Amino acid sequence: MLDATPRPLRTADTVLHRPSGETWVLAYVDHPTGYVCPMGWPFCEAALADCEPVKRADDNAYLDAVADLAVSGAQSAQKATRIAAAEIGGAR
């Protein structure tokens, strides 16, 4: 039987940001603060509550996105990799 509860949003997931009507691929999701950051420019953060999941990335896409962010120099990169390290380390 499949678990009916979807996993929390994370890097590389796609969401609809309801206030703007834009579809975003996420650079990171900071669950404790309730904010997300989309990939791309300009840097911004938005309320997680304003985002509706569209597509959840598989584990390979997640790890690829984290690796790409880590070497990108993007403003969101440091926070994205710190969050991912906590997620991956906490999964053990």
Protein backbone atom coordinates (compact mmCIF):
# COMPACT_ATOMS: atom_id res chain seq x y z
CA MET A 1 0.00 0.00 0.00
CA LEU A 2 1.34 3.43 -0.93
CA ASP A 3 1.78 6.14 1.66
CA ALA A 4 -0.98 8.67 0.98
CA THR A 5 1.00 11.49 2.62
CA PRO A 6 3.28 13.18 0.08
CA ARG A 7 6.78 14.13 1.18
CA PRO A 8 7.43 17.78 2.01
CA LEU A 9 8.46 20.10 -0.81
CA ARG A 10 12.20 20.39 -1.48
CA THR A 11 14.79 21.58 -4.00
CA ALA A 12 13.88 20.88 -7.66
CA ASP A 13 10.15 20.51 -6.99
CA THR A 14 7.83 22.58 -9.20
CA VAL A 15 5.15 24.75 -7.64
CA LEU A 16 2.53 27.24 -8.71
CA HIS A 17 3.08 30.52 -6.87
CA ARG A 18 -0.57 31.54 -6.57
CA PRO A 19 -0.13 35.33 -6.04
CA SER A 20 1.95 35.76 -9.23
CA GLY A 21 0.47 32.90 -11.25
CA GLU A 22 4.03 31.81 -12.07
CA THR A 23 5.29 28.25 -12.09
CA TRP A 24 8.57 27.93 -10.20
CA VAL A 25 11.24 25.27 -9.79
CA LEU A 26 12.45 25.59 -6.22
CA ALA A 27 16.05 26.29 -5.24
CA TYR A 28 15.18 25.62 -1.62
CA VAL A 29 12.35 25.21 0.84
CA ASP A 30 12.99 26.48 4.36
CA HIS A 31 10.26 24.66 6.28
CA PRO A 32 11.09 26.13 9.73
CA THR A 33 10.65 29.70 8.44
CA GLY A 34 7.90 28.88 5.94
CA TYR A 35 9.69 30.37 2.93
CA VAL A 36 10.71 29.10 -0.50
CA CYS A 37 13.14 30.43 -3.08
CA PRO A 38 12.72 29.82 -6.80
CA MET A 39 15.67 29.11 -9.04
CA GLY A 40 16.78 31.90 -11.31
CA TRP A 41 17.16 35.61 -11.16
CA PRO A 42 16.32 37.88 -9.47
CA PHE A 43 16.65 36.30 -6.05
CA CYS A 44 13.45 36.29 -4.04
CA GLU A 45 11.72 34.43 -1.28
CA ALA A 46 8.01 33.79 -0.98
CA ALA A 47 5.70 32.23 1.57
CA LEU A 48 5.49 28.46 1.31
CA ALA A 49 1.77 28.80 2.06
CA ASP A 50 1.35 30.66 -1.26
CA CYS A 51 2.72 27.71 -3.25
CA GLU A 52 0.81 24.76 -4.65
CA PRO A 53 2.77 21.62 -5.64
CA VAL A 54 2.71 20.91 -9.38
CA LYS A 55 5.40 18.24 -9.73
CA ARG A 56 7.68 16.61 -7.17
CA ALA A 57 11.19 15.93 -8.44
CA ASP A 58 12.55 12.42 -8.10
CA ASP A 59 15.61 11.78 -5.94
CA ASN A 60 18.04 11.97 -8.88
CA ALA A 61 16.70 15.33 -10.02
CA TYR A 62 16.88 16.57 -6.42
CA LEU A 63 20.52 15.53 -6.00
CA ASP A 64 21.47 16.92 -9.45
CA ALA A 65 19.85 20.27 -8.63
CA VAL A 66 21.60 20.49 -5.26
CA ALA A 67 24.96 19.70 -6.92
CA ASP A 68 24.34 22.30 -9.64
CA LEU A 69 23.38 24.93 -7.07
CA ALA A 70 26.46 24.18 -4.98
CA VAL A 71 28.77 25.27 -7.81
CA SER A 72 26.53 27.94 -9.34
CA GLY A 73 27.45 30.98 -7.31
CA ALA A 74 23.75 31.85 -7.13
CA GLN A 75 22.62 33.88 -4.13
CA SER A 76 20.40 30.97 -3.07
CA ALA A 77 23.18 28.35 -3.35
CA GLN A 78 24.61 28.46 0.16
CA LYS A 79 21.24 28.18 1.88
CA ALA A 80 20.06 25.50 -0.58
CA THR A 81 23.08 23.31 0.06
CA ARG A 82 22.86 23.82 3.84
CA ILE A 83 19.20 22.75 3.85
CA ALA A 84 19.92 19.78 1.58
CA ALA A 85 22.81 18.64 3.79
CA ALA A 86 20.47 18.63 6.80
CA GLU A 87 17.81 16.71 4.82
CA ILE A 88 20.25 14.13 3.50
CA GLY A 89 22.09 13.79 6.81
CA GLY A 90 18.82 13.46 8.68
CA ALA A 91 17.69 10.63 6.42
CA ARG A 92 20.24 8.21 7.85
